[in-house]
């Protein structure tokens, strides 16, 4: 649980110029968790 807390949830933030490509690739690989894209 210290090394790999598999019972926890994580918030993942991705900073990249390829957001659209990453979003499409994730969904093509069966990733269906909610994704949000923010402008900053």
ModelCIF file with pLDDT and N, C-alpha, C, O atoms, coordinates in Angstrom:
data_MODEL
#
_entry.id   MODEL 
#
_entity.id                         1 
_entity.type                       polymer 
_entity.pdbx_number_of_molecules   1 
#
_entity_poly.entity_id                      1 
_entity_poly.type                           'polypeptide(L)' 
_entity_poly.nstd_linkage                   no 
_entity_poly.nstd_monomer                   no 
_entity_poly.pdbx_seq_one_letter_code       
;(UNK)(UNK)(UNK)(UNK)(UNK)(UNK)(UNK)(UNK)(UNK)(UNK)(UNK)(UNK)(UNK)(UNK)(UNK)(UNK)
(UNK)(UNK)(UNK)(UNK)(UNK)(UNK)(UNK)(UNK)(UNK)(UNK)(UNK)(UNK)(UNK)(UNK)(UNK)(UNK)
(UNK)(UNK)(UNK)(UNK)(UNK)(UNK)(UNK)(UNK)
;
_entity_poly.pdbx_seq_one_letter_code_can   XXXXXXXXXXXXXXXXXXXXXXXXXXXXXXXXXXXXXXXX 
_entity_poly.pdbx_strand_id                 A 
#
loop_
_entity_poly_seq.entity_id 
_entity_poly_seq.num 
_entity_poly_seq.mon_id 
_entity_poly_seq.hetero 
1 1  UNK n 
1 2  UNK n 
1 3  UNK n 
1 4  UNK n 
1 5  UNK n 
1 6  UNK n 
1 7  UNK n 
1 8  UNK n 
1 9  UNK n 
1 10 UNK n 
1 11 UNK n 
1 12 UNK n 
1 13 UNK n 
1 14 UNK n 
1 15 UNK n 
1 16 UNK n 
1 17 UNK n 
1 18 UNK n 
1 19 UNK n 
1 20 UNK n 
1 21 UNK n 
1 22 UNK n 
1 23 UNK n 
1 24 UNK n 
1 25 UNK n 
1 26 UNK n 
1 27 UNK n 
1 28 UNK n 
1 29 UNK n 
1 30 UNK n 
1 31 UNK n 
1 32 UNK n 
1 33 UNK n 
1 34 UNK n 
1 35 UNK n 
1 36 UNK n 
1 37 UNK n 
1 38 UNK n 
1 39 UNK n 
1 40 UNK n 
#
_struct_asym.id          A 
_struct_asym.entity_id   1 
#
loop_
_ma_qa_metric.id 
_ma_qa_metric.mode 
_ma_qa_metric.name 
_ma_qa_metric.software_group_id 
_ma_qa_metric.type 
1 global pLDDT . pLDDT 
2 local  pLDDT . pLDDT 
#
_ma_qa_metric_global.metric_id      1 
_ma_qa_metric_global.metric_value   77.88 
_ma_qa_metric_global.model_id       1 
_ma_qa_metric_global.ordinal_id     1 
#
loop_
_ma_qa_metric_local.label_asym_id 
_ma_qa_metric_local.label_comp_id 
_ma_qa_metric_local.label_seq_id 
_ma_qa_metric_local.metric_id 
_ma_qa_metric_local.metric_value 
_ma_qa_metric_local.model_id 
_ma_qa_metric_local.ordinal_id 
A UNK 1  2 78.00 1 1  
A UNK 2  2 80.00 1 2  
A UNK 3  2 80.00 1 3  
A UNK 4  2 75.00 1 4  
A UNK 5  2 72.00 1 5  
A UNK 6  2 67.00 1 6  
A UNK 7  2 67.00 1 7  
A UNK 8  2 74.00 1 8  
A UNK 9  2 77.00 1 9  
A UNK 10 2 81.00 1 10 
A UNK 11 2 84.00 1 11 
A UNK 12 2 86.00 1 12 
A UNK 13 2 85.00 1 13 
A UNK 14 2 85.00 1 14 
A UNK 15 2 84.00 1 15 
A UNK 16 2 81.00 1 16 
A UNK 17 2 79.00 1 17 
A UNK 18 2 81.00 1 18 
A UNK 19 2 81.00 1 19 
A UNK 20 2 81.00 1 20 
A UNK 21 2 84.00 1 21 
A UNK 22 2 83.00 1 22 
A UNK 23 2 82.00 1 23 
A UNK 24 2 81.00 1 24 
A UNK 25 2 79.00 1 25 
A UNK 26 2 79.00 1 26 
A UNK 27 2 77.00 1 27 
A UNK 28 2 76.00 1 28 
A UNK 29 2 70.00 1 29 
A UNK 30 2 68.00 1 30 
A UNK 31 2 73.00 1 31 
A UNK 32 2 66.00 1 32 
A UNK 33 2 74.00 1 33 
A UNK 34 2 76.00 1 34 
A UNK 35 2 80.00 1 35 
A UNK 36 2 80.00 1 36 
A UNK 37 2 80.00 1 37 
A UNK 38 2 79.00 1 38 
A UNK 39 2 76.00 1 39 
A UNK 40 2 74.00 1 40 
#
loop_
_atom_site.group_PDB 
_atom_site.id 
_atom_site.type_symbol 
_atom_site.label_atom_id 
_atom_site.label_alt_id 
_atom_site.label_comp_id 
_atom_site.label_asym_id 
_atom_site.label_entity_id 
_atom_site.label_seq_id 
_atom_site.pdbx_PDB_ins_code 
_atom_site.Cartn_x 
_atom_site.Cartn_y 
_atom_site.Cartn_z 
_atom_site.occupancy 
_atom_site.B_iso_or_equiv 
_atom_site.pdbx_formal_charge 
_atom_site.auth_seq_id 
_atom_site.auth_comp_id 
_atom_site.auth_asym_id 
_atom_site.auth_atom_id 
_atom_site.pdbx_PDB_model_num 
ATOM 1   N N  . UNK A 1 1  ? 0.819   -1.213 0.000   1.00 78.00 ? 1  UNK A N  1 
ATOM 2   C CA . UNK A 1 1  ? 0.000   0.000  0.000   1.00 78.00 ? 1  UNK A CA 1 
ATOM 3   C C  . UNK A 1 1  ? 0.854   1.265  0.000   1.00 78.00 ? 1  UNK A C  1 
ATOM 4   O O  . UNK A 1 1  ? 0.405   2.315  -0.461  1.00 78.00 ? 1  UNK A O  1 
ATOM 5   N N  . UNK A 1 2  ? 2.077   1.174  0.511   1.00 80.00 ? 2  UNK A N  1 
ATOM 6   C CA . UNK A 1 2  ? 2.983   2.311  0.488   1.00 80.00 ? 2  UNK A CA 1 
ATOM 7   C C  . UNK A 1 2  ? 3.604   2.499  -0.896  1.00 80.00 ? 2  UNK A C  1 
ATOM 8   O O  . UNK A 1 2  ? 3.734   3.619  -1.389  1.00 80.00 ? 2  UNK A O  1 
ATOM 9   N N  . UNK A 1 3  ? 3.983   1.379  -1.507  1.00 80.00 ? 3  UNK A N  1 
ATOM 10  C CA . UNK A 1 3  ? 4.646   1.446  -2.808  1.00 80.00 ? 3  UNK A CA 1 
ATOM 11  C C  . UNK A 1 3  ? 3.647   1.593  -3.960  1.00 80.00 ? 3  UNK A C  1 
ATOM 12  O O  . UNK A 1 3  ? 3.895   2.323  -4.919  1.00 80.00 ? 3  UNK A O  1 
ATOM 13  N N  . UNK A 1 4  ? 2.534   0.901  -3.854  1.00 75.00 ? 4  UNK A N  1 
ATOM 14  C CA . UNK A 1 4  ? 1.545   0.903  -4.931  1.00 75.00 ? 4  UNK A CA 1 
ATOM 15  C C  . UNK A 1 4  ? 0.155   0.829  -4.309  1.00 75.00 ? 4  UNK A C  1 
ATOM 16  O O  . UNK A 1 4  ? -0.422  -0.254 -4.210  1.00 75.00 ? 4  UNK A O  1 
ATOM 17  N N  . UNK A 1 5  ? -0.394  1.982  -3.885  1.00 72.00 ? 5  UNK A N  1 
ATOM 18  C CA . UNK A 1 5  ? -1.703  2.000  -3.200  1.00 72.00 ? 5  UNK A CA 1 
ATOM 19  C C  . UNK A 1 5  ? -2.852  1.738  -4.166  1.00 72.00 ? 5  UNK A C  1 
ATOM 20  O O  . UNK A 1 5  ? -3.590  2.656  -4.527  1.00 72.00 ? 5  UNK A O  1 
ATOM 21  N N  . UNK A 1 6  ? -3.001  0.481  -4.583  1.00 67.00 ? 6  UNK A N  1 
ATOM 22  C CA . UNK A 1 6  ? -3.950  0.130  -5.623  1.00 67.00 ? 6  UNK A CA 1 
ATOM 23  C C  . UNK A 1 6  ? -5.407  0.364  -5.228  1.00 67.00 ? 6  UNK A C  1 
ATOM 24  O O  . UNK A 1 6  ? -6.290  0.305  -6.084  1.00 67.00 ? 6  UNK A O  1 
ATOM 25  N N  . UNK A 1 7  ? -5.676  0.630  -3.942  1.00 67.00 ? 7  UNK A N  1 
ATOM 26  C CA . UNK A 1 7  ? -7.044  0.900  -3.507  1.00 67.00 ? 7  UNK A CA 1 
ATOM 27  C C  . UNK A 1 7  ? -7.378  2.390  -3.555  1.00 67.00 ? 7  UNK A C  1 
ATOM 28  O O  . UNK A 1 7  ? -8.481  2.789  -3.180  1.00 67.00 ? 7  UNK A O  1 
ATOM 29  N N  . UNK A 1 8  ? -6.432  3.215  -4.016  1.00 74.00 ? 8  UNK A N  1 
ATOM 30  C CA . UNK A 1 8  ? -6.639  4.659  -4.046  1.00 74.00 ? 8  UNK A CA 1 
ATOM 31  C C  . UNK A 1 8  ? -7.057  5.123  -5.438  1.00 74.00 ? 8  UNK A C  1 
ATOM 32  O O  . UNK A 1 8  ? -6.840  4.433  -6.433  1.00 74.00 ? 8  UNK A O  1 
ATOM 33  N N  . UNK A 1 9  ? -7.660  6.308  -5.481  1.00 77.00 ? 9  UNK A N  1 
ATOM 34  C CA . UNK A 1 9  ? -7.914  6.989  -6.743  1.00 77.00 ? 9  UNK A CA 1 
ATOM 35  C C  . UNK A 1 9  ? -6.849  8.065  -6.930  1.00 77.00 ? 9  UNK A C  1 
ATOM 36  O O  . UNK A 1 9  ? -6.297  8.577  -5.956  1.00 77.00 ? 9  UNK A O  1 
ATOM 37  N N  . UNK A 1 10 ? -6.565  8.403  -8.184  1.00 81.00 ? 10 UNK A N  1 
ATOM 38  C CA . UNK A 1 10 ? -5.581  9.434  -8.472  1.00 81.00 ? 10 UNK A CA 1 
ATOM 39  C C  . UNK A 1 10 ? -6.149  10.439 -9.469  1.00 81.00 ? 10 UNK A C  1 
ATOM 40  O O  . UNK A 1 10 ? -6.880  10.086 -10.395 1.00 81.00 ? 10 UNK A O  1 
ATOM 41  N N  . UNK A 1 11 ? -5.793  11.688 -9.252  1.00 84.00 ? 11 UNK A N  1 
ATOM 42  C CA . UNK A 1 11 ? -6.104  12.728 -10.238 1.00 84.00 ? 11 UNK A CA 1 
ATOM 43  C C  . UNK A 1 11 ? -4.874  12.902 -11.103 1.00 84.00 ? 11 UNK A C  1 
ATOM 44  O O  . UNK A 1 11 ? -3.777  13.138 -10.597 1.00 84.00 ? 11 UNK A O  1 
ATOM 45  N N  . UNK A 1 12 ? -5.061  12.785 -12.417 1.00 86.00 ? 12 UNK A N  1 
ATOM 46  C CA . UNK A 1 12 ? -3.945  12.855 -13.358 1.00 86.00 ? 12 UNK A CA 1 
ATOM 47  C C  . UNK A 1 12 ? -4.124  14.081 -14.238 1.00 86.00 ? 12 UNK A C  1 
ATOM 48  O O  . UNK A 1 12 ? -5.160  14.253 -14.879 1.00 86.00 ? 12 UNK A O  1 
ATOM 49  N N  . UNK A 1 13 ? -3.103  14.931 -14.262 1.00 85.00 ? 13 UNK A N  1 
ATOM 50  C CA . UNK A 1 13 ? -3.097  16.127 -15.101 1.00 85.00 ? 13 UNK A CA 1 
ATOM 51  C C  . UNK A 1 13 ? -1.993  15.988 -16.142 1.00 85.00 ? 13 UNK A C  1 
ATOM 52  O O  . UNK A 1 13 ? -0.837  15.734 -15.802 1.00 85.00 ? 13 UNK A O  1 
ATOM 53  N N  . UNK A 1 14 ? -2.358  16.157 -17.415 1.00 85.00 ? 14 UNK A N  1 
ATOM 54  C CA . UNK A 1 14 ? -1.413  15.996 -18.515 1.00 85.00 ? 14 UNK A CA 1 
ATOM 55  C C  . UNK A 1 14 ? -1.232  17.335 -19.205 1.00 85.00 ? 14 UNK A C  1 
ATOM 56  O O  . UNK A 1 14 ? -2.190  17.906 -19.726 1.00 85.00 ? 14 UNK A O  1 
ATOM 57  N N  . UNK A 1 15 ? -0.006  17.836 -19.209 1.00 84.00 ? 15 UNK A N  1 
ATOM 58  C CA . UNK A 1 15 ? 0.317   19.096 -19.873 1.00 84.00 ? 15 UNK A CA 1 
ATOM 59  C C  . UNK A 1 15 ? 1.059   18.769 -21.171 1.00 84.00 ? 15 UNK A C  1 
ATOM 60  O O  . UNK A 1 15 ? 2.208   18.326 -21.145 1.00 84.00 ? 15 UNK A O  1 
ATOM 61  N N  . UNK A 1 16 ? 0.395   18.990 -22.297 1.00 81.00 ? 16 UNK A N  1 
ATOM 62  C CA . UNK A 1 16 ? 0.959   18.617 -23.586 1.00 81.00 ? 16 UNK A CA 1 
ATOM 63  C C  . UNK A 1 16 ? 0.310   19.444 -24.689 1.00 81.00 ? 16 UNK A C  1 
ATOM 64  O O  . UNK A 1 16 ? -0.796  19.961 -24.532 1.00 81.00 ? 16 UNK A O  1 
ATOM 65  N N  . UNK A 1 17 ? 1.016   19.558 -25.803 1.00 79.00 ? 17 UNK A N  1 
ATOM 66  C CA . UNK A 1 17 ? 0.451   20.218 -26.969 1.00 79.00 ? 17 UNK A CA 1 
ATOM 67  C C  . UNK A 1 17 ? -0.308  19.234 -27.862 1.00 79.00 ? 17 UNK A C  1 
ATOM 68  O O  . UNK A 1 17 ? -0.804  19.602 -28.926 1.00 79.00 ? 17 UNK A O  1 
ATOM 69  N N  . UNK A 1 18 ? -0.391  17.983 -27.415 1.00 81.00 ? 18 UNK A N  1 
ATOM 70  C CA . UNK A 1 18 ? -1.061  16.941 -28.218 1.00 81.00 ? 18 UNK A CA 1 
ATOM 71  C C  . UNK A 1 18 ? -2.290  16.399 -27.490 1.00 81.00 ? 18 UNK A C  1 
ATOM 72  O O  . UNK A 1 18 ? -2.531  15.192 -27.487 1.00 81.00 ? 18 UNK A O  1 
ATOM 73  N N  . UNK A 1 19 ? -3.060  17.287 -26.878 1.00 81.00 ? 19 UNK A N  1 
ATOM 74  C CA . UNK A 1 19 ? -4.203  16.866 -26.086 1.00 81.00 ? 19 UNK A CA 1 
ATOM 75  C C  . UNK A 1 19 ? -5.225  16.086 -26.899 1.00 81.00 ? 19 UNK A C  1 
ATOM 76  O O  . UNK A 1 19 ? -5.729  15.063 -26.436 1.00 81.00 ? 19 UNK A O  1 
ATOM 77  N N  . UNK A 1 20 ? -5.533  16.544 -28.084 1.00 81.00 ? 20 UNK A N  1 
ATOM 78  C CA . UNK A 1 20 ? -6.541  15.870 -28.909 1.00 81.00 ? 20 UNK A CA 1 
ATOM 79  C C  . UNK A 1 20 ? -6.086  14.469 -29.284 1.00 81.00 ? 20 UNK A C  1 
ATOM 80  O O  . UNK A 1 20 ? -6.868  13.520 -29.223 1.00 81.00 ? 20 UNK A O  1 
ATOM 81  N N  . UNK A 1 21 ? -4.808  14.335 -29.678 1.00 84.00 ? 21 UNK A N  1 
ATOM 82  C CA . UNK A 1 21 ? -4.279  13.021 -30.035 1.00 84.00 ? 21 UNK A CA 1 
ATOM 83  C C  . UNK A 1 21 ? -4.281  12.078 -28.831 1.00 84.00 ? 21 UNK A C  1 
ATOM 84  O O  . UNK A 1 21 ? -4.606  10.898 -28.958 1.00 84.00 ? 21 UNK A O  1 
ATOM 85  N N  . UNK A 1 22 ? -3.915  12.608 -27.663 1.00 83.00 ? 22 UNK A N  1 
ATOM 86  C CA . UNK A 1 22 ? -3.922  11.791 -26.450 1.00 83.00 ? 22 UNK A CA 1 
ATOM 87  C C  . UNK A 1 22 ? -5.335  11.354 -26.117 1.00 83.00 ? 22 UNK A C  1 
ATOM 88  O O  . UNK A 1 22 ? -5.569  10.190 -25.792 1.00 83.00 ? 22 UNK A O  1 
ATOM 89  N N  . UNK A 1 23 ? -6.277  12.280 -26.197 1.00 82.00 ? 23 UNK A N  1 
ATOM 90  C CA . UNK A 1 23 ? -7.687  11.971 -25.894 1.00 82.00 ? 23 UNK A CA 1 
ATOM 91  C C  . UNK A 1 23 ? -8.204  10.878 -26.813 1.00 82.00 ? 23 UNK A C  1 
ATOM 92  O O  . UNK A 1 23 ? -8.833  9.930  -26.343 1.00 82.00 ? 23 UNK A O  1 
ATOM 93  N N  . UNK A 1 24 ? -7.954  10.986 -28.117 1.00 81.00 ? 24 UNK A N  1 
ATOM 94  C CA . UNK A 1 24 ? -8.437  9.985  -29.079 1.00 81.00 ? 24 UNK A CA 1 
ATOM 95  C C  . UNK A 1 24 ? -7.766  8.633  -28.852 1.00 81.00 ? 24 UNK A C  1 
ATOM 96  O O  . UNK A 1 24 ? -8.411  7.589  -28.952 1.00 81.00 ? 24 UNK A O  1 
ATOM 97  N N  . UNK A 1 25 ? -6.473  8.657  -28.545 1.00 79.00 ? 25 UNK A N  1 
ATOM 98  C CA . UNK A 1 25 ? -5.742  7.414  -28.338 1.00 79.00 ? 25 UNK A CA 1 
ATOM 99  C C  . UNK A 1 25 ? -6.248  6.682  -27.098 1.00 79.00 ? 25 UNK A C  1 
ATOM 100 O O  . UNK A 1 25 ? -6.380  5.458  -27.106 1.00 79.00 ? 25 UNK A O  1 
ATOM 101 N N  . UNK A 1 26 ? -6.527  7.422  -26.049 1.00 79.00 ? 26 UNK A N  1 
ATOM 102 C CA . UNK A 1 26 ? -7.020  6.797  -24.822 1.00 79.00 ? 26 UNK A CA 1 
ATOM 103 C C  . UNK A 1 26 ? -8.358  6.118  -25.056 1.00 79.00 ? 26 UNK A C  1 
ATOM 104 O O  . UNK A 1 26 ? -8.556  4.981  -24.626 1.00 79.00 ? 26 UNK A O  1 
ATOM 105 N N  . UNK A 1 27 ? -9.268  6.786  -25.722 1.00 77.00 ? 27 UNK A N  1 
ATOM 106 C CA . UNK A 1 27 ? -10.580 6.195  -25.972 1.00 77.00 ? 27 UNK A CA 1 
ATOM 107 C C  . UNK A 1 27 ? -10.491 4.992  -26.908 1.00 77.00 ? 27 UNK A C  1 
ATOM 108 O O  . UNK A 1 27 ? -11.270 4.046  -26.788 1.00 77.00 ? 27 UNK A O  1 
ATOM 109 N N  . UNK A 1 28 ? -9.537  5.034  -27.840 1.00 76.00 ? 28 UNK A N  1 
ATOM 110 C CA . UNK A 1 28 ? -9.344  3.889  -28.723 1.00 76.00 ? 28 UNK A CA 1 
ATOM 111 C C  . UNK A 1 28 ? -8.804  2.683  -27.965 1.00 76.00 ? 28 UNK A C  1 
ATOM 112 O O  . UNK A 1 28 ? -8.938  1.548  -28.421 1.00 76.00 ? 28 UNK A O  1 
ATOM 113 N N  . UNK A 1 29 ? -8.193  2.929  -26.805 1.00 70.00 ? 29 UNK A N  1 
ATOM 114 C CA . UNK A 1 29 ? -7.648  1.851  -25.976 1.00 70.00 ? 29 UNK A CA 1 
ATOM 115 C C  . UNK A 1 29 ? -8.531  1.560  -24.759 1.00 70.00 ? 29 UNK A C  1 
ATOM 116 O O  . UNK A 1 29 ? -8.046  1.163  -23.700 1.00 70.00 ? 29 UNK A O  1 
ATOM 117 N N  . UNK A 1 30 ? -9.832  1.766  -24.939 1.00 68.00 ? 30 UNK A N  1 
ATOM 118 C CA . UNK A 1 30 ? -10.825 1.380  -23.926 1.00 68.00 ? 30 UNK A CA 1 
ATOM 119 C C  . UNK A 1 30 ? -10.745 2.179  -22.644 1.00 68.00 ? 30 UNK A C  1 
ATOM 120 O O  . UNK A 1 30 ? -11.132 1.677  -21.589 1.00 68.00 ? 30 UNK A O  1 
ATOM 121 N N  . UNK A 1 31 ? -10.259 3.402  -22.700 1.00 73.00 ? 31 UNK A N  1 
ATOM 122 C CA . UNK A 1 31 ? -10.257 4.248  -21.517 1.00 73.00 ? 31 UNK A CA 1 
ATOM 123 C C  . UNK A 1 31 ? -11.534 5.079  -21.512 1.00 73.00 ? 31 UNK A C  1 
ATOM 124 O O  . UNK A 1 31 ? -11.726 5.930  -22.380 1.00 73.00 ? 31 UNK A O  1 
ATOM 125 N N  . UNK A 1 32 ? -12.412 4.834  -20.533 1.00 66.00 ? 32 UNK A N  1 
ATOM 126 C CA . UNK A 1 32 ? -13.704 5.519  -20.521 1.00 66.00 ? 32 UNK A CA 1 
ATOM 127 C C  . UNK A 1 32 ? -13.946 6.329  -19.258 1.00 66.00 ? 32 UNK A C  1 
ATOM 128 O O  . UNK A 1 32 ? -15.074 6.740  -18.987 1.00 66.00 ? 32 UNK A O  1 
ATOM 129 N N  . UNK A 1 33 ? -12.888 6.562  -18.481 1.00 74.00 ? 33 UNK A N  1 
ATOM 130 C CA . UNK A 1 33 ? -13.030 7.482  -17.359 1.00 74.00 ? 33 UNK A CA 1 
ATOM 131 C C  . UNK A 1 33 ? -13.227 8.891  -17.908 1.00 74.00 ? 33 UNK A C  1 
ATOM 132 O O  . UNK A 1 33 ? -12.837 9.170  -19.042 1.00 74.00 ? 33 UNK A O  1 
ATOM 133 N N  . UNK A 1 34 ? -13.823 9.777  -17.126 1.00 76.00 ? 34 UNK A N  1 
ATOM 134 C CA . UNK A 1 34 ? -14.060 11.134 -17.617 1.00 76.00 ? 34 UNK A CA 1 
ATOM 135 C C  . UNK A 1 34 ? -12.754 11.867 -17.915 1.00 76.00 ? 34 UNK A C  1 
ATOM 136 O O  . UNK A 1 34 ? -11.796 11.791 -17.147 1.00 76.00 ? 34 UNK A O  1 
ATOM 137 N N  . UNK A 1 35 ? -12.733 12.571 -19.035 1.00 80.00 ? 35 UNK A N  1 
ATOM 138 C CA . UNK A 1 35 ? -11.599 13.392 -19.427 1.00 80.00 ? 35 UNK A CA 1 
ATOM 139 C C  . UNK A 1 35 ? -12.071 14.829 -19.580 1.00 80.00 ? 35 UNK A C  1 
ATOM 140 O O  . UNK A 1 35 ? -13.114 15.082 -20.183 1.00 80.00 ? 35 UNK A O  1 
ATOM 141 N N  . UNK A 1 36 ? -11.315 15.759 -19.044 1.00 80.00 ? 36 UNK A N  1 
ATOM 142 C CA . UNK A 1 36 ? -11.644 17.177 -19.181 1.00 80.00 ? 36 UNK A CA 1 
ATOM 143 C C  . UNK A 1 36 ? -10.427 17.902 -19.735 1.00 80.00 ? 36 UNK A C  1 
ATOM 144 O O  . UNK A 1 36 ? -9.303  17.680 -19.285 1.00 80.00 ? 36 UNK A O  1 
ATOM 145 N N  . UNK A 1 37 ? -10.661 18.779 -20.724 1.00 80.00 ? 37 UNK A N  1 
ATOM 146 C CA . UNK A 1 37 ? -9.584  19.551 -21.314 1.00 80.00 ? 37 UNK A CA 1 
ATOM 147 C C  . UNK A 1 37 ? -9.794  21.019 -20.965 1.00 80.00 ? 37 UNK A C  1 
ATOM 148 O O  . UNK A 1 37 ? -10.845 21.594 -21.247 1.00 80.00 ? 37 UNK A O  1 
ATOM 149 N N  . UNK A 1 38 ? -8.776  21.616 -20.347 1.00 79.00 ? 38 UNK A N  1 
ATOM 150 C CA . UNK A 1 38 ? -8.864  23.002 -19.893 1.00 79.00 ? 38 UNK A CA 1 
ATOM 151 C C  . UNK A 1 38 ? -7.899  23.876 -20.682 1.00 79.00 ? 38 UNK A C  1 
ATOM 152 O O  . UNK A 1 38 ? -6.803  23.451 -21.048 1.00 79.00 ? 38 UNK A O  1 
ATOM 153 N N  . UNK A 1 39 ? -8.333  25.102 -20.935 1.00 76.00 ? 39 UNK A N  1 
ATOM 154 C CA . UNK A 1 39 ? -7.443  26.125 -21.492 1.00 76.00 ? 39 UNK A CA 1 
ATOM 155 C C  . UNK A 1 39 ? -6.786  26.876 -20.337 1.00 76.00 ? 39 UNK A C  1 
ATOM 156 O O  . UNK A 1 39 ? -7.459  27.270 -19.385 1.00 76.00 ? 39 UNK A O  1 
ATOM 157 N N  . UNK A 1 40 ? -5.478  27.073 -20.423 1.00 74.00 ? 40 UNK A N  1 
ATOM 158 C CA . UNK A 1 40 ? -4.796  27.855 -19.396 1.00 74.00 ? 40 UNK A CA 1 
ATOM 159 C C  . UNK A 1 40 ? -3.716  28.706 -20.049 1.00 74.00 ? 40 UNK A C  1 
ATOM 160 O O  . UNK A 1 40 ? -3.015  29.447 -19.360 1.00 74.00 ? 40 UNK A O  1 
#
